[in-house]
């Protein structure tokens, strides 16, 4: 298994209610570390899917607004 070098951080703000947050992060990795924050509380999403090395989708069971940090 090859190790990927992660460079940078991407901050995402989800301003509109959505169950799926589709994030273009441009980190060039299919395994970003994802931290989600809703209303000042760190939460665990239902699912995180790497669509490509540049895009991931974070899924919640109900529509949410908040922030995500990807590294």
PDB file of N, CA and C in Angstrom:
ATOM      1  N   UNK A   1       0.843  -1.172   0.000  1.00  0.00           N
ATOM      2  CA  UNK A   1       0.000   0.000   0.000  1.00  0.00           C
ATOM      3  C   UNK A   1       0.888   1.234   0.000  1.00  0.00           C
ATOM      4  N   UNK A   2       0.612   2.160  -0.868  1.00  0.00           N
ATOM      5  CA  UNK A   2       1.401   3.388  -0.981  1.00  0.00           C
ATOM      6  C   UNK A   2       0.862   4.442  -0.026  1.00  0.00           C
ATOM      7  N   UNK A   3       1.761   5.237   0.500  1.00  0.00           N
ATOM      8  CA  UNK A   3       1.367   6.356   1.346  1.00  0.00           C
ATOM      9  C   UNK A   3       1.212   7.594   0.492  1.00  0.00           C
ATOM     10  N   UNK A   4       0.206   8.404   0.815  1.00  0.00           N
ATOM     11  CA  UNK A   4      -0.003   9.650   0.088  1.00  0.00           C
ATOM     12  C   UNK A   4       0.533  10.800   0.920  1.00  0.00           C
ATOM     13  N   UNK A   5       1.079  11.796   0.281  1.00  0.00           N
ATOM     14  CA  UNK A   5       1.539  12.986   0.957  1.00  0.00           C
ATOM     15  C   UNK A   5       0.428  14.029   0.911  1.00  0.00           C
ATOM     16  N   UNK A   6      -0.024  14.438   2.076  1.00  0.00           N
ATOM     17  CA  UNK A   6      -1.072  15.439   2.148  1.00  0.00           C
ATOM     18  C   UNK A   6      -0.439  16.807   2.317  1.00  0.00           C
ATOM     19  N   UNK A   7      -0.815  17.707   1.455  1.00  0.00           N
ATOM     20  CA  UNK A   7      -0.289  19.060   1.519  1.00  0.00           C
ATOM     21  C   UNK A   7      -1.461  20.011   1.565  1.00  0.00           C
ATOM     22  N   UNK A   8      -1.526  20.806   2.616  1.00  0.00           N
ATOM     23  CA  UNK A   8      -2.554  21.828   2.682  1.00  0.00           C
ATOM     24  C   UNK A   8      -3.787  21.424   3.451  1.00  0.00           C
ATOM     25  N   UNK A   9      -4.646  22.400   3.561  1.00  0.00           N
ATOM     26  CA  UNK A   9      -5.913  22.265   4.265  1.00  0.00           C
ATOM     27  C   UNK A   9      -6.970  22.992   3.452  1.00  0.00           C
ATOM     28  N   UNK A  10      -8.179  22.452   3.459  1.00  0.00           N
ATOM     29  CA  UNK A  10      -9.289  23.111   2.776  1.00  0.00           C
ATOM     30  C   UNK A  10     -10.401  23.349   3.790  1.00  0.00           C
ATOM     31  N   UNK A  11     -10.880  24.586   3.875  1.00  0.00           N
ATOM     32  CA  UNK A  11     -12.004  24.950   4.732  1.00  0.00           C
ATOM     33  C   UNK A  11     -13.248  25.076   3.859  1.00  0.00           C
ATOM     34  N   UNK A  12     -14.314  24.364   4.241  1.00  0.00           N
ATOM     35  CA  UNK A  12     -15.562  24.419   3.484  1.00  0.00           C
ATOM     36  C   UNK A  12     -16.665  24.949   4.398  1.00  0.00           C
ATOM     37  N   UNK A  13     -17.450  25.880   3.880  1.00  0.00           N
ATOM     38  CA  UNK A  13     -18.627  26.368   4.591  1.00  0.00           C
ATOM     39  C   UNK A  13     -19.856  26.000   3.782  1.00  0.00           C
ATOM     40  N   UNK A  14     -20.772  25.270   4.415  1.00  0.00           N
ATOM     41  CA  UNK A  14     -22.028  24.884   3.777  1.00  0.00           C
ATOM     42  C   UNK A  14     -23.113  25.827   4.299  1.00  0.00           C
ATOM     43  N   UNK A  15     -23.500  26.799   3.456  1.00  0.00           N
ATOM     44  CA  UNK A  15     -24.461  27.832   3.859  1.00  0.00           C
ATOM     45  C   UNK A  15     -25.913  27.448   3.609  1.00  0.00           C
ATOM     46  N   UNK A  16     -26.153  26.497   2.717  1.00  0.00           N
ATOM     47  CA  UNK A  16     -27.523  26.083   2.415  1.00  0.00           C
ATOM     48  C   UNK A  16     -27.751  24.669   2.944  1.00  0.00           C
ATOM     49  N   UNK A  17     -28.942  24.424   3.453  1.00  0.00           N
ATOM     50  CA  UNK A  17     -29.267  23.101   3.982  1.00  0.00           C
ATOM     51  C   UNK A  17     -29.086  22.037   2.910  1.00  0.00           C
ATOM     52  N   UNK A  18     -28.380  20.976   3.263  1.00  0.00           N
ATOM     53  CA  UNK A  18     -28.169  19.869   2.332  1.00  0.00           C
ATOM     54  C   UNK A  18     -27.804  18.613   3.113  1.00  0.00           C
ATOM     55  N   UNK A  19     -28.247  17.461   2.616  1.00  0.00           N
ATOM     56  CA  UNK A  19     -27.826  16.194   3.219  1.00  0.00           C
ATOM     57  C   UNK A  19     -26.470  15.765   2.672  1.00  0.00           C
ATOM     58  N   UNK A  20     -26.171  16.155   1.430  1.00  0.00           N
ATOM     59  CA  UNK A  20     -24.874  15.852   0.809  1.00  0.00           C
ATOM     60  C   UNK A  20     -24.102  17.138   0.580  1.00  0.00           C
ATOM     61  N   UNK A  21     -22.925  17.223   1.165  1.00  0.00           N
ATOM     62  CA  UNK A  21     -22.033  18.350   0.928  1.00  0.00           C
ATOM     63  C   UNK A  21     -20.986  17.869  -0.079  1.00  0.00           C
ATOM     64  N   UNK A  22     -21.029  18.377  -1.288  1.00  0.00           N
ATOM     65  CA  UNK A  22     -20.051  18.018  -2.317  1.00  0.00           C
ATOM     66  C   UNK A  22     -18.953  19.077  -2.282  1.00  0.00           C
ATOM     67  N   UNK A  23     -17.745  18.648  -1.966  1.00  0.00           N
ATOM     68  CA  UNK A  23     -16.647  19.584  -1.699  1.00  0.00           C
ATOM     69  C   UNK A  23     -15.496  19.353  -2.681  1.00  0.00           C
ATOM     70  N   UNK A  24     -15.158  20.393  -3.422  1.00  0.00           N
ATOM     71  CA  UNK A  24     -13.950  20.372  -4.247  1.00  0.00           C
ATOM     72  C   UNK A  24     -12.820  20.916  -3.393  1.00  0.00           C
ATOM     73  N   UNK A  25     -11.893  20.042  -3.005  1.00  0.00           N
ATOM     74  CA  UNK A  25     -10.842  20.426  -2.059  1.00  0.00           C
ATOM     75  C   UNK A  25      -9.470  20.596  -2.700  1.00  0.00           C
ATOM     76  N   UNK A  26      -9.248  20.027  -3.867  1.00  0.00           N
ATOM     77  CA  UNK A  26      -7.969  20.147  -4.575  1.00  0.00           C
ATOM     78  C   UNK A  26      -6.751  19.715  -3.757  1.00  0.00           C
ATOM     79  N   UNK A  27      -6.928  18.758  -2.839  1.00  0.00           N
ATOM     80  CA  UNK A  27      -5.817  18.279  -2.011  1.00  0.00           C
ATOM     81  C   UNK A  27      -5.060  17.118  -2.662  1.00  0.00           C
ATOM     82  N   UNK A  28      -5.559  16.635  -3.794  1.00  0.00           N
ATOM     83  CA  UNK A  28      -4.916  15.547  -4.526  1.00  0.00           C
ATOM     84  C   UNK A  28      -4.749  14.289  -3.669  1.00  0.00           C
ATOM     85  N   UNK A  29      -5.843  13.898  -2.987  1.00  0.00           N
ATOM     86  CA  UNK A  29      -5.851  12.671  -2.201  1.00  0.00           C
ATOM     87  C   UNK A  29      -7.250  12.069  -2.207  1.00  0.00           C
ATOM     88  N   UNK A  30      -7.315  10.753  -2.194  1.00  0.00           N
ATOM     89  CA  UNK A  30      -8.604  10.072  -2.078  1.00  0.00           C
ATOM     90  C   UNK A  30      -8.874   9.662  -0.633  1.00  0.00           C
ATOM     91  N   UNK A  31      -8.049  10.138   0.283  1.00  0.00           N
ATOM     92  CA  UNK A  31      -8.228   9.811   1.701  1.00  0.00           C
ATOM     93  C   UNK A  31      -8.036  11.046   2.581  1.00  0.00           C
ATOM     94  N   UNK A  32      -8.824  12.104   2.354  1.00  0.00           N
ATOM     95  CA  UNK A  32      -8.656  13.280   3.213  1.00  0.00           C
ATOM     96  C   UNK A  32      -9.169  13.010   4.623  1.00  0.00           C
ATOM     97  N   UNK A  33      -8.566  13.669   5.579  1.00  0.00           N
ATOM     98  CA  UNK A  33      -9.067  13.647   6.954  1.00  0.00           C
ATOM     99  C   UNK A  33     -10.131  14.730   7.024  1.00  0.00           C
ATOM    100  N   UNK A  34     -11.331  14.366   7.479  1.00  0.00           N
ATOM    101  CA  UNK A  34     -12.472  15.279   7.455  1.00  0.00           C
ATOM    102  C   UNK A  34     -12.968  15.527   8.875  1.00  0.00           C
ATOM    103  N   UNK A  35     -13.062  16.804   9.254  1.00  0.00           N
ATOM    104  CA  UNK A  35     -13.674  17.214  10.517  1.00  0.00           C
ATOM    105  C   UNK A  35     -14.872  18.081  10.187  1.00  0.00           C
ATOM    106  N   UNK A  36     -16.055  17.736  10.744  1.00  0.00           N
ATOM    107  CA  UNK A  36     -17.280  18.485  10.476  1.00  0.00           C
ATOM    108  C   UNK A  36     -17.758  19.182  11.745  1.00  0.00           C
ATOM    109  N   UNK A  37     -18.237  20.404  11.557  1.00  0.00           N
ATOM    110  CA  UNK A  37     -18.713  21.226  12.670  1.00  0.00           C
ATOM    111  C   UNK A  37     -20.092  21.772  12.324  1.00  0.00           C
ATOM    112  N   UNK A  38     -21.057  21.520  13.213  1.00  0.00           N
ATOM    113  CA  UNK A  38     -22.406  22.028  13.044  1.00  0.00           C
ATOM    114  C   UNK A  38     -22.800  22.737  14.330  1.00  0.00           C
ATOM    115  N   UNK A  39     -23.118  24.023  14.205  1.00  0.00           N
ATOM    116  CA  UNK A  39     -23.520  24.792  15.383  1.00  0.00           C
ATOM    117  C   UNK A  39     -22.475  24.815  16.483  1.00  0.00           C
ATOM    118  N   UNK A  40     -21.203  24.809  16.112  1.00  0.00           N
ATOM    119  CA  UNK A  40     -20.131  24.853  17.106  1.00  0.00           C
ATOM    120  C   UNK A  40     -19.787  23.501  17.717  1.00  0.00           C
ATOM    121  N   UNK A  41     -20.459  22.431  17.282  1.00  0.00           N
ATOM    122  CA  UNK A  41     -20.195  21.085  17.795  1.00  0.00           C
ATOM    123  C   UNK A  41     -19.579  20.217  16.709  1.00  0.00           C
ATOM    124  N   UNK A  42     -18.533  19.483  17.082  1.00  0.00           N
ATOM    125  CA  UNK A  42     -17.932  18.547  16.139  1.00  0.00           C
ATOM    126  C   UNK A  42     -18.863  17.350  16.002  1.00  0.00           C
ATOM    127  N   UNK A  43     -19.166  16.964  14.756  1.00  0.00           N
ATOM    128  CA  UNK A  43     -20.090  15.859  14.499  1.00  0.00           C
ATOM    129  C   UNK A  43     -19.456  14.841  13.554  1.00  0.00           C
ATOM    130  N   UNK A  44     -19.965  13.640  13.613  1.00  0.00           N
ATOM    131  CA  UNK A  44     -19.515  12.582  12.718  1.00  0.00           C
ATOM    132  C   UNK A  44     -20.576  12.416  11.643  1.00  0.00           C
ATOM    133  N   UNK A  45     -20.216  12.597  10.378  1.00  0.00           N
ATOM    134  CA  UNK A  45     -21.205  12.443   9.307  1.00  0.00           C
ATOM    135  C   UNK A  45     -21.584  10.981   9.128  1.00  0.00           C
ATOM    136  N   UNK A  46     -22.666  10.755   8.414  1.00  0.00           N
ATOM    137  CA  UNK A  46     -23.107   9.394   8.116  1.00  0.00           C
ATOM    138  C   UNK A  46     -22.119   8.694   7.188  1.00  0.00           C
ATOM    139  N   UNK A  47     -21.554   9.465   6.230  1.00  0.00           N
ATOM    140  CA  UNK A  47     -20.636   8.868   5.272  1.00  0.00           C
ATOM    141  C   UNK A  47     -19.746   9.938   4.666  1.00  0.00           C
ATOM    142  N   UNK A  48     -18.535   9.550   4.286  1.00  0.00           N
ATOM    143  CA  UNK A  48     -17.624  10.402   3.520  1.00  0.00           C
ATOM    144  C   UNK A  48     -17.139   9.565   2.343  1.00  0.00           C
ATOM    145  N   UNK A  49     -17.366  10.062   1.125  1.00  0.00           N
ATOM    146  CA  UNK A  49     -16.989   9.340  -0.082  1.00  0.00           C
ATOM    147  C   UNK A  49     -16.022  10.182  -0.896  1.00  0.00           C
ATOM    148  N   UNK A  50     -14.885   9.603  -1.237  1.00  0.00           N
ATOM    149  CA  UNK A  50     -13.939  10.280  -2.122  1.00  0.00           C
ATOM    150  C   UNK A  50     -14.391  10.042  -3.555  1.00  0.00           C
ATOM    151  N   UNK A  51     -14.947  11.059  -4.168  1.00  0.00           N
ATOM    152  CA  UNK A  51     -15.405  10.966  -5.548  1.00  0.00           C
ATOM    153  C   UNK A  51     -14.210  10.920  -6.499  1.00  0.00           C
ATOM    154  N   UNK A  52     -13.168  11.664  -6.152  1.00  0.00           N
ATOM    155  CA  UNK A  52     -11.913  11.677  -6.907  1.00  0.00           C
ATOM    156  C   UNK A  52     -10.836  12.194  -5.958  1.00  0.00           C
ATOM    157  N   UNK A  53      -9.636  12.396  -6.473  1.00  0.00           N
ATOM    158  CA  UNK A  53      -8.546  12.939  -5.653  1.00  0.00           C
ATOM    159  C   UNK A  53      -8.744  14.425  -5.355  1.00  0.00           C
ATOM    160  N   UNK A  54      -9.763  15.032  -5.963  1.00  0.00           N
ATOM    161  CA  UNK A  54     -10.009  16.463  -5.786  1.00  0.00           C
ATOM    162  C   UNK A  54     -11.374  16.779  -5.185  1.00  0.00           C
ATOM    163  N   UNK A  55     -12.259  15.782  -5.102  1.00  0.00           N
ATOM    164  CA  UNK A  55     -13.632  16.015  -4.656  1.00  0.00           C
ATOM    165  C   UNK A  55     -14.056  14.925  -3.674  1.00  0.00           C
ATOM    166  N   UNK A  56     -14.771  15.323  -2.613  1.00  0.00           N
ATOM    167  CA  UNK A  56     -15.384  14.340  -1.728  1.00  0.00           C
ATOM    168  C   UNK A  56     -16.805  14.780  -1.401  1.00  0.00           C
ATOM    169  N   UNK A  57     -17.619  13.806  -1.004  1.00  0.00           N
ATOM    170  CA  UNK A  57     -18.997  14.072  -0.622  1.00  0.00           C
ATOM    171  C   UNK A  57     -19.186  13.628   0.819  1.00  0.00           C
ATOM    172  N   UNK A  58     -19.677  14.548   1.645  1.00  0.00           N
ATOM    173  CA  UNK A  58     -19.985  14.259   3.040  1.00  0.00           C
ATOM    174  C   UNK A  58     -21.501  14.132   3.132  1.00  0.00           C
ATOM    175  N   UNK A  59     -21.986  13.035   3.719  1.00  0.00           N
ATOM    176  CA  UNK A  59     -23.423  12.770   3.790  1.00  0.00           C
ATOM    177  C   UNK A  59     -23.895  12.763   5.243  1.00  0.00           C
ATOM    178  N   UNK A  60     -25.022  13.442   5.470  1.00  0.00           N
ATOM    179  CA  UNK A  60     -25.678  13.473   6.775  1.00  0.00           C
ATOM    180  C   UNK A  60     -27.077  12.876   6.635  1.00  0.00           C
ATOM    181  N   UNK A  61     -27.644  12.312   7.718  1.00  0.00           N
ATOM    182  CA  UNK A  61     -28.986  11.731   7.627  1.00  0.00           C
ATOM    183  C   UNK A  61     -30.089  12.777   7.429  1.00  0.00           C
ATOM    184  N   UNK A  62     -29.829  14.013   7.868  1.00  0.00           N
ATOM    185  CA  UNK A  62     -30.769  15.117   7.674  1.00  0.00           C
ATOM    186  C   UNK A  62     -29.992  16.317   7.140  1.00  0.00           C
ATOM    187  N   UNK A  63     -30.694  17.217   6.471  1.00  0.00           N
ATOM    188  CA  UNK A  63     -30.044  18.394   5.883  1.00  0.00           C
ATOM    189  C   UNK A  63     -29.390  19.240   6.979  1.00  0.00           C
ATOM    190  N   UNK A  64     -28.184  19.699   6.708  1.00  0.00           N
ATOM    191  CA  UNK A  64     -27.395  20.466   7.676  1.00  0.00           C
ATOM    192  C   UNK A  64     -26.724  21.658   7.004  1.00  0.00           C
ATOM    193  N   UNK A  65     -26.392  22.658   7.803  1.00  0.00           N
ATOM    194  CA  UNK A  65     -25.454  23.711   7.430  1.00  0.00           C
ATOM    195  C   UNK A  65     -24.322  23.645   8.438  1.00  0.00           C
ATOM    196  N   UNK A  66     -23.124  24.052   8.018  1.00  0.00           N
ATOM    197  CA  UNK A  66     -22.000  24.002   8.941  1.00  0.00           C
ATOM    198  C   UNK A  66     -20.695  24.178   8.208  1.00  0.00           C
ATOM    199  N   UNK A  67     -19.646  23.653   8.818  1.00  0.00           N
ATOM    200  CA  UNK A  67     -18.300  23.793   8.271  1.00  0.00           C
ATOM    201  C   UNK A  67     -17.598  22.431   8.270  1.00  0.00           C
ATOM    202  N   UNK A  68     -16.676  22.288   7.338  1.00  0.00           N
ATOM    203  CA  UNK A  68     -15.832  21.089   7.284  1.00  0.00           C
ATOM    204  C   UNK A  68     -14.400  21.519   7.005  1.00  0.00           C
ATOM    205  N   UNK A  69     -13.479  20.847   7.667  1.00  0.00           N
ATOM    206  CA  UNK A  69     -12.057  21.049   7.428  1.00  0.00           C
ATOM    207  C   UNK A  69     -11.506  19.751   6.871  1.00  0.00           C
ATOM    208  N   UNK A  70     -10.846  19.847   5.735  1.00  0.00           N
ATOM    209  CA  UNK A  70     -10.239  18.686   5.112  1.00  0.00           C
ATOM    210  C   UNK A  70      -8.739  18.887   5.055  1.00  0.00           C
ATOM    211  N   UNK A  71      -8.002  17.857   5.437  1.00  0.00           N
ATOM    212  CA  UNK A  71      -6.536  17.900   5.367  1.00  0.00           C
ATOM    213  C   UNK A  71      -6.034  16.642   4.715  1.00  0.00           C
TER     214      UNK A  71
END
